[in-house]
Amino acid sequence: MALNIQRRRFLTLLAMGVGIPLSLRWTRHPVQMAQWEGVALGAPASIRLYHQQAGRAQAAIHAALGELARLESIFSLQRTDSALRRLNREGELQAAPPDLVRLLQRALHLAQLSDGVYDPTVQPLWTVYQRHFSQPNADPAGPTPKVLKAALQLVNWRAVSLDPEQGRIVLQQPGMGLTLNGGAQGYITDRVAEILRAHGFDRMLVDMGEPLALSHKPDGTAWRLALANPANPEEVLDTIEVVDRCVATSGGYGTLLDPAGRFTHIFDTRTGMTAPALQGVSVVALSGMIADGLSTALLMVPQAKRLELLRAAGAEQAIFVAPQGITAHLIA
């Protein structure tokens, strides 16, 4: 039986006005929105680009999708030919793509700041859970302690050797594996936005798994993002208004590994267990590279360490969400 992974989105855009021309005082031409929806690294993705020339907007989006495809060929764990899959398979990568080196540097730095609570080498734990729940009549209690202990011995960010100058990456223990999903979506969001800006656009919402809002909406207001109830994604608990910011969100309920929803995709590197399904955190930062990954780390670190980590990692604020509402709101 195949593993039935359940995914839910819990950060949504409010009052988009999709497809509605907007008239502005500073221009003689109506401003419209070009929209693309698809998938990036297995998650729903979208681009909403305000423009005055449809041809230029479509050309910009086409170029942005080319960048998305290029980065997926580096970071994807689904593609057997990706740079990350080759690294995991061979345990070493020479002349690694600069994007992989840059994001791995950030991931290892975040691992250091969080004392290993965030760890990009958790892929062996994912593999263990995936294999377990793909079996017919899988034990609903999850993998055995013995199996988890063996996987945890391969989770060690300090055993990743990275030479940025040479682009050389080595996984020092046989059987190790990297995942950069807690960071790659934010990184790709940043890069796609840079491509669009290079084509002359500055009013947009780019979401490659984490939404980045650039400038105001054409009516001069901020972008409004809704925080959903983890137990009921249709219920809005609060909203965030953002301008020139990325909001990255992590929650166990984003991906459920078992039918009962007891096990999630966010792993506790201290025990091998997973994060609770009905808790989440949203991080606001200047870029997706800063916000993504940090949201995962903040979900797992002890409460007393949250503010220190938020500040050290360079973000602005974090909002912790549970079914009963906002449980904490931290400002760096």
C-alpha atoms as a PDB file:
ATOM      1  CA  MET A   1       0.000   0.000   0.000  1.00  0.00           C
ATOM      2  CA  ALA A   2       1.399   3.403  -0.938  1.00  0.00           C
ATOM      3  CA  LEU A   3       1.884   6.016   1.731  1.00  0.00           C
ATOM      4  CA  ASN A   4      -1.049   8.404   1.630  1.00  0.00           C
ATOM      5  CA  ILE A   5       0.448  11.767   2.504  1.00  0.00           C
ATOM      6  CA  GLN A   6      -2.138  14.375   3.389  1.00  0.00           C
ATOM      7  CA  ARG A   7      -1.210  18.012   2.766  1.00  0.00           C
ATOM      8  CA  ARG A   8      -2.989  21.117   3.989  1.00  0.00           C
ATOM      9  CA  ARG A   9      -2.305  24.785   3.442  1.00  0.00           C
ATOM     10  CA  PHE A  10      -2.914  27.106   6.359  1.00  0.00           C
ATOM     11  CA  LEU A  11      -1.687  30.490   5.134  1.00  0.00           C
ATOM     12  CA  THR A  12      -3.908  32.040   2.491  1.00  0.00           C
ATOM     13  CA  LEU A  13      -4.228  35.369   0.708  1.00  0.00           C
ATOM     14  CA  LEU A  14      -7.268  37.500   1.440  1.00  0.00           C
ATOM     15  CA  ALA A  15      -9.063  39.920  -0.883  1.00  0.00           C
ATOM     16  CA  MET A  16      -6.941  39.332  -3.974  1.00  0.00           C
ATOM     17  CA  GLY A  17      -9.341  40.728  -6.518  1.00  0.00           C
ATOM     18  CA  VAL A  18      -8.192  38.162  -9.052  1.00  0.00           C
ATOM     19  CA  GLY A  19      -8.746  39.187 -12.651  1.00  0.00           C
ATOM     20  CA  ILE A  20     -10.295  42.549 -11.787  1.00  0.00           C
ATOM     21  CA  PRO A  21      -8.732  45.564 -13.543  1.00  0.00           C
ATOM     22  CA  LEU A  22      -7.729  48.275 -11.069  1.00  0.00           C
ATOM     23  CA  SER A  23      -7.613  51.944 -12.042  1.00  0.00           C
ATOM     24  CA  LEU A  24      -4.895  54.046 -10.375  1.00  0.00           C
ATOM     25  CA  ARG A  25      -4.491  57.808 -10.231  1.00  0.00           C
ATOM     26  CA  TRP A  26      -0.847  57.687 -11.267  1.00  0.00           C
ATOM     27  CA  THR A  27      -1.419  55.934 -14.605  1.00  0.00           C
ATOM     28  CA  ARG A  28      -3.660  56.250 -17.626  1.00  0.00           C
ATOM     29  CA  HIS A  29      -3.783  52.508 -18.121  1.00  0.00           C
ATOM     30  CA  PRO A  30      -5.663  49.945 -16.056  1.00  0.00           C
ATOM     31  CA  VAL A  31      -3.547  47.687 -13.890  1.00  0.00           C
ATOM     32  CA  GLN A  32      -4.337  44.004 -14.240  1.00  0.00           C
ATOM     33  CA  MET A  33      -3.032  40.868 -12.633  1.00  0.00           C
ATOM     34  CA  ALA A  34      -1.345  38.006 -14.435  1.00  0.00           C
ATOM     35  CA  GLN A  35      -1.697  34.786 -12.498  1.00  0.00           C
ATOM     36  CA  TRP A  36       0.041  31.410 -12.583  1.00  0.00           C
ATOM     37  CA  GLU A  37      -0.732  28.408 -10.392  1.00  0.00           C
ATOM     38  CA  GLY A  38       1.169  25.153 -10.234  1.00  0.00           C
ATOM     39  CA  VAL A  39       3.473  23.104  -8.030  1.00  0.00           C
ATOM     40  CA  ALA A  40       6.950  23.737  -6.621  1.00  0.00           C
ATOM     41  CA  LEU A  41       8.804  20.962  -4.790  1.00  0.00           C
ATOM     42  CA  GLY A  42       5.528  19.092  -4.418  1.00  0.00           C
ATOM     43  CA  ALA A  43       3.633  21.984  -2.800  1.00  0.00           C
ATOM     44  CA  PRO A  44       1.008  24.350  -4.295  1.00  0.00           C
ATOM     45  CA  ALA A  45       2.678  27.391  -5.842  1.00  0.00           C
ATOM     46  CA  SER A  46       1.477  30.609  -7.441  1.00  0.00           C
ATOM     47  CA  ILE A  47       2.511  33.943  -8.926  1.00  0.00           C
ATOM     48  CA  ARG A  48       0.294  37.031  -8.899  1.00  0.00           C
ATOM     49  CA  LEU A  49       1.879  39.827 -10.864  1.00  0.00           C
ATOM     50  CA  TYR A  50       0.330  43.269 -11.333  1.00  0.00           C
ATOM     51  CA  HIS A  51       1.090  44.735 -14.732  1.00  0.00           C
ATOM     52  CA  GLN A  52       0.058  47.140 -17.467  1.00  0.00           C
ATOM     53  CA  GLN A  53       1.366  45.126 -20.416  1.00  0.00           C
ATOM     54  CA  ALA A  54       0.185  41.538 -20.682  1.00  0.00           C
ATOM     55  CA  GLY A  55       2.941  40.519 -23.082  1.00  0.00           C
ATOM     56  CA  ARG A  56       5.738  41.688 -20.778  1.00  0.00           C
ATOM     57  CA  ALA A  57       4.066  40.077 -17.786  1.00  0.00           C
ATOM     58  CA  GLN A  58       3.754  36.716 -19.506  1.00  0.00           C
ATOM     59  CA  ALA A  59       7.387  36.862 -20.635  1.00  0.00           C
ATOM     60  CA  ALA A  60       8.470  37.611 -17.056  1.00  0.00           C
ATOM     61  CA  ILE A  61       6.443  34.705 -15.667  1.00  0.00           C
ATOM     62  CA  HIS A  62       7.864  32.406 -18.344  1.00  0.00           C
ATOM     63  CA  ALA A  63      11.391  33.364 -17.261  1.00  0.00           C
ATOM     64  CA  ALA A  64      10.458  32.882 -13.597  1.00  0.00           C
ATOM     65  CA  LEU A  65       9.158  29.378 -14.311  1.00  0.00           C
ATOM     66  CA  GLY A  66      12.434  28.594 -16.041  1.00  0.00           C
ATOM     67  CA  GLU A  67      14.223  29.534 -12.822  1.00  0.00           C
ATOM     68  CA  LEU A  68      11.825  27.369 -10.832  1.00  0.00           C
ATOM     69  CA  ALA A  69      12.619  24.395 -13.066  1.00  0.00           C
ATOM     70  CA  ARG A  70      16.359  25.010 -12.709  1.00  0.00           C
ATOM     71  CA  LEU A  71      16.179  25.131  -8.912  1.00  0.00           C
ATOM     72  CA  GLU A  72      13.977  22.056  -8.708  1.00  0.00           C
ATOM     73  CA  SER A  73      16.707  20.203 -10.615  1.00  0.00           C
ATOM     74  CA  ILE A  74      18.980  21.073  -7.687  1.00  0.00           C
ATOM     75  CA  PHE A  75      16.783  20.725  -4.581  1.00  0.00           C
ATOM     76  CA  SER A  76      14.105  18.167  -5.467  1.00  0.00           C
ATOM     77  CA  LEU A  77      14.067  14.895  -3.542  1.00  0.00           C
ATOM     78  CA  GLN A  78      11.555  13.468  -6.022  1.00  0.00           C
ATOM     79  CA  ARG A  79      13.806  13.746  -9.070  1.00  0.00           C
ATOM     80  CA  THR A  80      16.492  11.059  -9.248  1.00  0.00           C
ATOM     81  CA  ASP A  81      18.730  13.357 -11.299  1.00  0.00           C
ATOM     82  CA  SER A  82      18.683  16.318  -8.897  1.00  0.00           C
ATOM     83  CA  ALA A  83      21.935  17.479  -7.310  1.00  0.00           C
ATOM     84  CA  LEU A  84      20.568  16.783  -3.834  1.00  0.00           C
ATOM     85  CA  ARG A  85      19.539  13.235  -4.731  1.00  0.00           C
ATOM     86  CA  ARG A  86      22.996  12.591  -6.207  1.00  0.00           C
ATOM     87  CA  LEU A  87      24.592  13.845  -2.998  1.00  0.00           C
ATOM     88  CA  ASN A  88      22.408  11.585  -0.860  1.00  0.00           C
ATOM     89  CA  ARG A  89      23.021   8.618  -3.120  1.00  0.00           C
ATOM     90  CA  GLU A  90      26.792   9.012  -3.415  1.00  0.00           C
ATOM     91  CA  GLY A  91      27.595  10.695  -0.102  1.00  0.00           C
ATOM     92  CA  GLU A  92      29.710  13.325  -1.818  1.00  0.00           C
ATOM     93  CA  LEU A  93      29.298  16.039  -4.419  1.00  0.00           C
ATOM     94  CA  GLN A  94      32.074  17.899  -6.205  1.00  0.00           C
ATOM     95  CA  ALA A  95      31.521  21.324  -7.798  1.00  0.00           C
ATOM     96  CA  ALA A  96      28.048  21.538  -6.256  1.00  0.00           C
ATOM     97  CA  PRO A  97      25.725  24.182  -7.725  1.00  0.00           C
ATOM     98  CA  PRO A  98      26.220  27.547  -5.973  1.00  0.00           C
ATOM     99  CA  ASP A  99      22.530  27.620  -4.994  1.00  0.00           C
ATOM    100  CA  LEU A 100      22.934  24.318  -3.152  1.00  0.00           C
ATOM    101  CA  VAL A 101      26.052  25.561  -1.383  1.00  0.00           C
ATOM    102  CA  ARG A 102      24.348  28.811  -0.367  1.00  0.00           C
ATOM    103  CA  LEU A 103      21.231  27.168   1.015  1.00  0.00           C
ATOM    104  CA  LEU A 104      23.189  24.438   2.788  1.00  0.00           C
ATOM    105  CA  GLN A 105      25.332  27.100   4.463  1.00  0.00           C
ATOM    106  CA  ARG A 106      22.164  28.713   5.759  1.00  0.00           C
ATOM    107  CA  ALA A 107      20.766  25.371   6.922  1.00  0.00           C
ATOM    108  CA  LEU A 108      23.937  24.455   8.817  1.00  0.00           C
ATOM    109  CA  HIS A 109      24.031  27.915  10.404  1.00  0.00           C
ATOM    110  CA  LEU A 110      20.438  27.489  11.554  1.00  0.00           C
ATOM    111  CA  ALA A 111      21.303  24.057  12.935  1.00  0.00           C
ATOM    112  CA  GLN A 112      24.087  25.647  14.951  1.00  0.00           C
ATOM    113  CA  LEU A 113      21.861  28.451  16.244  1.00  0.00           C
ATOM    114  CA  SER A 114      19.175  25.974  17.316  1.00  0.00           C
ATOM    115  CA  ASP A 115      21.607  23.481  18.901  1.00  0.00           C
ATOM    116  CA  GLY A 116      20.610  20.894  16.308  1.00  0.00           C
ATOM    117  CA  VAL A 117      16.862  21.097  16.921  1.00  0.00           C
ATOM    118  CA  TYR A 118      16.695  22.103  13.273  1.00  0.00           C
ATOM    119  CA  ASP A 119      18.856  19.662  11.321  1.00  0.00           C
ATOM    120  CA  PRO A 120      18.975  19.260   7.516  1.00  0.00           C
ATOM    121  CA  THR A 121      20.187  15.660   7.900  1.00  0.00           C
ATOM    122  CA  VAL A 122      16.789  14.348   9.080  1.00  0.00           C
ATOM    123  CA  GLN A 123      16.136  12.578   5.780  1.00  0.00           C
ATOM    124  CA  PRO A 124      16.818   9.107   7.320  1.00  0.00           C
ATOM    125  CA  LEU A 125      13.921   9.707   9.732  1.00  0.00           C
ATOM    126  CA  TRP A 126      11.618  10.592   6.838  1.00  0.00           C
ATOM    127  CA  THR A 127      12.683   7.407   5.060  1.00  0.00           C
ATOM    128  CA  VAL A 128      11.937   5.291   8.139  1.00  0.00           C
ATOM    129  CA  TYR A 129       8.436   6.717   8.563  1.00  0.00           C
ATOM    130  CA  GLN A 130       7.696   6.530   4.849  1.00  0.00           C
ATOM    131  CA  ARG A 131       8.683   2.872   4.657  1.00  0.00           C
ATOM    132  CA  HIS A 132       6.776   2.026   7.809  1.00  0.00           C
ATOM    133  CA  PHE A 133       3.457   3.542   6.802  1.00  0.00           C
ATOM    134  CA  SER A 134       3.752   2.262   3.224  1.00  0.00           C
ATOM    135  CA  GLN A 135       3.513  -1.307   4.505  1.00  0.00           C
ATOM    136  CA  PRO A 136       0.175  -3.132   4.500  1.00  0.00           C
ATOM    137  CA  ASN A 137      -1.332  -3.191   7.987  1.00  0.00           C
ATOM    138  CA  ALA A 138       1.364  -0.884   9.330  1.00  0.00           C
ATOM    139  CA  ASP A 139       1.502  -0.627  13.113  1.00  0.00           C
ATOM    140  CA  PRO A 140      -0.381   2.609  13.945  1.00  0.00           C
ATOM    141  CA  ALA A 141       2.089   3.198  16.796  1.00  0.00           C
ATOM    142  CA  GLY A 142       4.750   3.992  14.211  1.00  0.00           C
ATOM    143  CA  PRO A 143       8.300   2.668  13.769  1.00  0.00           C
ATOM    144  CA  THR A 144       9.810   0.740  16.660  1.00  0.00           C
ATOM    145  CA  PRO A 145      12.197   2.457  19.105  1.00  0.00           C
ATOM    146  CA  LYS A 146      15.017   0.292  17.755  1.00  0.00           C
ATOM    147  CA  VAL A 147      14.424   1.447  14.191  1.00  0.00           C
ATOM    148  CA  LEU A 148      14.168   5.093  15.261  1.00  0.00           C
ATOM    149  CA  LYS A 149      17.370   4.832  17.285  1.00  0.00           C
ATOM    150  CA  ALA A 150      19.240   3.496  14.260  1.00  0.00           C
ATOM    151  CA  ALA A 151      17.923   6.353  12.084  1.00  0.00           C
ATOM    152  CA  LEU A 152      18.826   8.956  14.710  1.00  0.00           C
ATOM    153  CA  GLN A 153      22.437   7.823  14.611  1.00  0.00           C
ATOM    154  CA  LEU A 154      22.530   9.146  11.038  1.00  0.00           C
ATOM    155  CA  VAL A 155      21.080  12.546  11.966  1.00  0.00           C
ATOM    156  CA  ASN A 156      24.030  14.820  12.668  1.00  0.00           C
ATOM    157  CA  TRP A 157      24.503  18.180  10.988  1.00  0.00           C
ATOM    158  CA  ARG A 158      28.085  18.320  12.293  1.00  0.00           C
ATOM    159  CA  ALA A 159      28.931  15.359  10.057  1.00  0.00           C
ATOM    160  CA  VAL A 160      28.311  17.451   6.927  1.00  0.00           C
ATOM    161  CA  SER A 161      31.549  18.769   5.429  1.00  0.00           C
ATOM    162  CA  LEU A 162      31.107  21.816   3.215  1.00  0.00           C
ATOM    163  CA  ASP A 163      33.847  23.628   1.313  1.00  0.00           C
ATOM    164  CA  PRO A 164      32.156  26.688  -0.204  1.00  0.00           C
ATOM    165  CA  GLU A 165      35.225  27.683  -2.239  1.00  0.00           C
ATOM    166  CA  GLN A 166      35.451  24.331  -4.025  1.00  0.00           C
ATOM    167  CA  GLY A 167      31.744  23.543  -3.880  1.00  0.00           C
ATOM    168  CA  ARG A 168      32.549  20.218  -2.230  1.00  0.00           C
ATOM    169  CA  ILE A 169      29.987  18.587   0.057  1.00  0.00           C
ATOM    170  CA  VAL A 170      30.654  15.358   1.934  1.00  0.00           C
ATOM    171  CA  LEU A 171      28.304  13.366   4.163  1.00  0.00           C
ATOM    172  CA  GLN A 172      30.788  11.822   6.568  1.00  0.00           C
ATOM    173  CA  GLN A 173      28.641   8.914   7.780  1.00  0.00           C
ATOM    174  CA  PRO A 174      27.443   6.229   5.335  1.00  0.00           C
ATOM    175  CA  GLY A 175      23.658   6.249   5.111  1.00  0.00           C
ATOM    176  CA  MET A 176      23.214   9.938   5.868  1.00  0.00           C
ATOM    177  CA  GLY A 177      20.814  12.015   3.798  1.00  0.00           C
ATOM    178  CA  LEU A 178      20.000  15.704   3.441  1.00  0.00           C
ATOM    179  CA  THR A 179      16.666  17.387   2.965  1.00  0.00           C
ATOM    180  CA  LEU A 180      16.455  21.109   2.323  1.00  0.00           C
ATOM    181  CA  ASN A 181      12.674  21.231   2.045  1.00  0.00           C
ATOM    182  CA  GLY A 182      12.701  23.338   5.215  1.00  0.00           C
ATOM    183  CA  GLY A 183      14.367  26.206   3.376  1.00  0.00           C
ATOM    184  CA  ALA A 184      14.287  25.480  -0.343  1.00  0.00           C
ATOM    185  CA  GLN A 185      10.754  26.758  -0.857  1.00  0.00           C
ATOM    186  CA  GLY A 186      11.651  30.105   0.683  1.00  0.00           C
ATOM    187  CA  TYR A 187      14.873  30.254  -1.326  1.00  0.00           C
ATOM    188  CA  ILE A 188      13.048  29.503  -4.577  1.00  0.00           C
ATOM    189  CA  THR A 189      10.415  32.122  -3.720  1.00  0.00           C
ATOM    190  CA  ASP A 190      13.186  34.722  -3.380  1.00  0.00           C
ATOM    191  CA  ARG A 191      14.825  33.739  -6.662  1.00  0.00           C
ATOM    192  CA  VAL A 192      11.567  33.727  -8.639  1.00  0.00           C
ATOM    193  CA  ALA A 193      10.766  37.191  -7.273  1.00  0.00           C
ATOM    194  CA  GLU A 194      14.238  38.402  -8.299  1.00  0.00           C
ATOM    195  CA  ILE A 195      13.628  37.228 -11.861  1.00  0.00           C
ATOM    196  CA  LEU A 196      10.306  39.079 -11.997  1.00  0.00           C
ATOM    197  CA  ARG A 197      11.896  42.237 -10.625  1.00  0.00           C
ATOM    198  CA  ALA A 198      14.687  41.976 -13.190  1.00  0.00           C
ATOM    199  CA  HIS A 199      11.946  42.151 -15.839  1.00  0.00           C
ATOM    200  CA  GLY A 200      10.783  45.470 -14.408  1.00  0.00           C
ATOM    201  CA  PHE A 201       7.961  44.454 -12.064  1.00  0.00           C
ATOM    202  CA  ASP A 202       7.700  45.374  -8.404  1.00  0.00           C
ATOM    203  CA  ARG A 203       4.107  44.650  -7.337  1.00  0.00           C
ATOM    204  CA  MET A 204       3.589  40.950  -6.834  1.00  0.00           C
ATOM    205  CA  LEU A 205       2.847  38.046  -4.552  1.00  0.00           C
ATOM    206  CA  VAL A 206       5.124  35.074  -5.196  1.00  0.00           C
ATOM    207  CA  ASP A 207       4.412  31.826  -3.362  1.00  0.00           C
ATOM    208  CA  MET A 208       6.659  28.838  -4.066  1.00  0.00           C
ATOM    209  CA  GLY A 209       5.541  27.248  -0.818  1.00  0.00           C
ATOM    210  CA  GLU A 210       6.105  30.415   1.236  1.00  0.00           C
ATOM    211  CA  PRO A 211       4.472  33.724   0.183  1.00  0.00           C
ATOM    212  CA  LEU A 212       6.601  36.801  -0.494  1.00  0.00           C
ATOM    213  CA  ALA A 213       4.771  40.106  -0.975  1.00  0.00           C
ATOM    214  CA  LEU A 214       6.611  42.861  -2.819  1.00  0.00           C
ATOM    215  CA  SER A 215       5.480  46.472  -2.593  1.00  0.00           C
ATOM    216  CA  HIS A 216       1.854  47.362  -1.851  1.00  0.00           C
ATOM    217  CA  LYS A 217      -1.139  46.223  -3.816  1.00  0.00           C
ATOM    218  CA  PRO A 218      -2.060  48.691  -6.579  1.00  0.00           C
ATOM    219  CA  ASP A 219      -4.727  50.253  -4.358  1.00  0.00           C
ATOM    220  CA  GLY A 220      -1.994  51.220  -1.886  1.00  0.00           C
ATOM    221  CA  THR A 221      -2.927  48.719   0.810  1.00  0.00           C
ATOM    222  CA  ALA A 222      -0.774  45.963   2.267  1.00  0.00           C
ATOM    223  CA  TRP A 223      -1.166  42.329   1.334  1.00  0.00           C
ATOM    224  CA  ARG A 224      -3.298  40.462   3.867  1.00  0.00           C
ATOM    225  CA  LEU A 225      -2.515  36.864   4.749  1.00  0.00           C
ATOM    226  CA  ALA A 226      -4.872  34.734   6.808  1.00  0.00           C
ATOM    227  CA  LEU A 227      -3.718  32.330   9.523  1.00  0.00           C
ATOM    228  CA  ALA A 228      -5.962  29.287   9.585  1.00  0.00           C
ATOM    229  CA  ASN A 229      -6.997  27.130  12.500  1.00  0.00           C
ATOM    230  CA  PRO A 230      -4.831  23.966  12.440  1.00  0.00           C
ATOM    231  CA  ALA A 231      -7.878  21.882  13.322  1.00  0.00           C
ATOM    232  CA  ASN A 232     -10.127  23.591  10.749  1.00  0.00           C
ATOM    233  CA  PRO A 233      -8.325  25.182   7.762  1.00  0.00           C
ATOM    234  CA  GLU A 234     -11.529  26.993   6.751  1.00  0.00           C
ATOM    235  CA  GLU A 235     -11.522  29.020   9.982  1.00  0.00           C
ATOM    236  CA  VAL A 236      -9.380  32.187  10.048  1.00  0.00           C
ATOM    237  CA  LEU A 237      -7.808  32.853  13.441  1.00  0.00           C
ATOM    238  CA  ASP A 238      -5.947  36.031  12.549  1.00  0.00           C
ATOM    239  CA  THR A 239      -4.513  38.029   9.655  1.00  0.00           C
ATOM    240  CA  ILE A 240      -1.091  39.486   8.891  1.00  0.00           C
ATOM    241  CA  GLU A 241      -0.521  42.595   6.785  1.00  0.00           C
ATOM    242  CA  VAL A 242       2.806  42.575   4.952  1.00  0.00           C
ATOM    243  CA  VAL A 243       4.739  44.758   2.527  1.00  0.00           C
ATOM    244  CA  ASP A 244       8.124  43.675   1.154  1.00  0.00           C
ATOM    245  CA  ARG A 245       8.162  40.682   3.470  1.00  0.00           C
ATOM    246  CA  CYS A 246       8.000  36.900   3.325  1.00  0.00           C
ATOM    247  CA  VAL A 247       5.851  34.841   5.675  1.00  0.00           C
ATOM    248  CA  ALA A 248       6.954  31.233   6.162  1.00  0.00           C
ATOM    249  CA  THR A 249       4.763  28.833   8.068  1.00  0.00           C
ATOM    250  CA  SER A 250       5.451  25.427   9.583  1.00  0.00           C
ATOM    251  CA  GLY A 251       3.006  23.108  11.263  1.00  0.00           C
ATOM    252  CA  GLY A 252       2.704  19.403  11.757  1.00  0.00           C
ATOM    253  CA  TYR A 253      -0.689  19.464  10.084  1.00  0.00           C
ATOM    254  CA  GLY A 254       0.935  20.580   6.821  1.00  0.00           C
ATOM    255  CA  THR A 255       1.791  16.958   6.009  1.00  0.00           C
ATOM    256  CA  LEU A 256       0.347  13.985   7.897  1.00  0.00           C
ATOM    257  CA  LEU A 257       2.144  10.669   7.519  1.00  0.00           C
ATOM    258  CA  ASP A 258      -0.469   8.295   8.908  1.00  0.00           C
ATOM    259  CA  PRO A 259      -4.254   7.983   8.561  1.00  0.00           C
ATOM    260  CA  ALA A 260      -4.837   8.958  12.192  1.00  0.00           C
ATOM    261  CA  GLY A 261      -2.777  12.138  11.859  1.00  0.00           C
ATOM    262  CA  ARG A 262      -0.592  11.209  14.799  1.00  0.00           C
ATOM    263  CA  PHE A 263       2.697  11.480  12.896  1.00  0.00           C
ATOM    264  CA  THR A 264       3.760  14.532  10.892  1.00  0.00           C
ATOM    265  CA  HIS A 265       6.594  15.599   8.588  1.00  0.00           C
ATOM    266  CA  ILE A 266       8.404  17.695  11.198  1.00  0.00           C
ATOM    267  CA  PHE A 267      10.824  15.590  13.218  1.00  0.00           C
ATOM    268  CA  ASP A 268      12.178  15.996  16.732  1.00  0.00           C
ATOM    269  CA  THR A 269      15.894  15.316  16.271  1.00  0.00           C
ATOM    270  CA  ARG A 270      16.242  14.533  19.966  1.00  0.00           C
ATOM    271  CA  THR A 271      13.764  11.650  20.045  1.00  0.00           C
ATOM    272  CA  GLY A 272      12.892  10.679  16.473  1.00  0.00           C
ATOM    273  CA  MET A 273       9.237  11.447  17.129  1.00  0.00           C
ATOM    274  CA  THR A 274       7.314  14.117  15.228  1.00  0.00           C
ATOM    275  CA  ALA A 275       5.828  17.527  15.981  1.00  0.00           C
ATOM    276  CA  PRO A 276       2.213  17.760  17.182  1.00  0.00           C
ATOM    277  CA  ALA A 277      -0.275  17.967  14.344  1.00  0.00           C
ATOM    278  CA  LEU A 278      -2.264  20.922  15.635  1.00  0.00           C
ATOM    279  CA  GLN A 279       0.422  23.508  16.339  1.00  0.00           C
ATOM    280  CA  GLY A 280       2.072  25.897  13.914  1.00  0.00           C
ATOM    281  CA  VAL A 281       4.221  29.000  13.658  1.00  0.00           C
ATOM    282  CA  SER A 282       4.485  31.743  11.049  1.00  0.00           C
ATOM    283  CA  VAL A 283       7.678  33.784  10.704  1.00  0.00           C
ATOM    284  CA  VAL A 284       7.867  37.222   9.081  1.00  0.00           C
ATOM    285  CA  ALA A 285      11.209  38.246   7.566  1.00  0.00           C
ATOM    286  CA  LEU A 286      12.729  40.253   4.759  1.00  0.00           C
ATOM    287  CA  SER A 287      13.274  37.157   2.634  1.00  0.00           C
ATOM    288  CA  GLY A 288      12.105  33.600   2.220  1.00  0.00           C
ATOM    289  CA  MET A 289      15.611  32.327   2.841  1.00  0.00           C
ATOM    290  CA  ILE A 290      15.516  33.852   6.336  1.00  0.00           C
ATOM    291  CA  ALA A 291      11.939  32.903   7.185  1.00  0.00           C
ATOM    292  CA  ASP A 292      11.805  29.352   5.830  1.00  0.00           C
ATOM    293  CA  GLY A 293      13.556  26.778   7.962  1.00  0.00           C
ATOM    294  CA  LEU A 294      13.431  29.170  10.906  1.00  0.00           C
ATOM    295  CA  SER A 295       9.699  28.519  11.200  1.00  0.00           C
ATOM    296  CA  THR A 296      10.447  24.799  11.531  1.00  0.00           C
ATOM    297  CA  ALA A 297      13.167  25.460  14.096  1.00  0.00           C
ATOM    298  CA  LEU A 298      10.918  27.713  16.192  1.00  0.00           C
ATOM    299  CA  LEU A 299       8.215  25.067  16.237  1.00  0.00           C
ATOM    300  CA  MET A 300      10.585  22.618  17.924  1.00  0.00           C
ATOM    301  CA  VAL A 301      12.902  24.642  20.193  1.00  0.00           C
ATOM    302  CA  PRO A 302      12.031  25.077  23.884  1.00  0.00           C
ATOM    303  CA  GLN A 303       9.750  28.048  24.524  1.00  0.00           C
ATOM    304  CA  ALA A 304      12.436  29.864  26.514  1.00  0.00           C
ATOM    305  CA  LYS A 305      14.746  29.821  23.458  1.00  0.00           C
ATOM    306  CA  ARG A 306      12.272  31.122  20.895  1.00  0.00           C
ATOM    307  CA  LEU A 307      12.951  34.858  21.087  1.00  0.00           C
ATOM    308  CA  GLU A 308      16.713  34.379  21.179  1.00  0.00           C
ATOM    309  CA  LEU A 309      16.594  32.213  18.060  1.00  0.00           C
ATOM    310  CA  LEU A 310      14.228  34.590  16.255  1.00  0.00           C
ATOM    311  CA  ARG A 311      16.659  37.456  16.755  1.00  0.00           C
ATOM    312  CA  ALA A 312      19.815  35.469  16.011  1.00  0.00           C
ATOM    313  CA  ALA A 313      18.377  34.147  12.743  1.00  0.00           C
ATOM    314  CA  GLY A 314      17.511  37.643  11.483  1.00  0.00           C
ATOM    315  CA  ALA A 315      13.697  37.516  11.365  1.00  0.00           C
ATOM    316  CA  GLU A 316      11.250  40.161  12.576  1.00  0.00           C
ATOM    317  CA  GLN A 317       8.378  38.354  14.241  1.00  0.00           C
ATOM    318  CA  ALA A 318       6.849  34.953  14.882  1.00  0.00           C
ATOM    319  CA  ILE A 319       3.227  34.040  15.505  1.00  0.00           C
ATOM    320  CA  PHE A 320       2.436  30.735  17.212  1.00  0.00           C
ATOM    321  CA  VAL A 321      -0.938  29.200  16.402  1.00  0.00           C
ATOM    322  CA  ALA A 322      -3.018  26.429  17.962  1.00  0.00           C
ATOM    323  CA  PRO A 323      -6.700  25.478  17.529  1.00  0.00           C
ATOM    324  CA  GLN A 324      -7.685  27.781  20.405  1.00  0.00           C
ATOM    325  CA  GLY A 325      -6.065  30.773  18.685  1.00  0.00           C
ATOM    326  CA  ILE A 326      -2.793  32.703  18.862  1.00  0.00           C
ATOM    327  CA  THR A 327      -0.715  31.332  21.725  1.00  0.00           C
ATOM    328  CA  ALA A 328       2.248  33.714  21.410  1.00  0.00           C
ATOM    329  CA  HIS A 329       3.351  36.659  19.304  1.00  0.00           C
ATOM    330  CA  LEU A 330       7.067  37.421  19.405  1.00  0.00           C
ATOM    331  CA  ILE A 331       8.702  40.598  18.066  1.00  0.00           C
ATOM    332  CA  ALA A 332      12.460  40.532  17.504  1.00  0.00           C
END
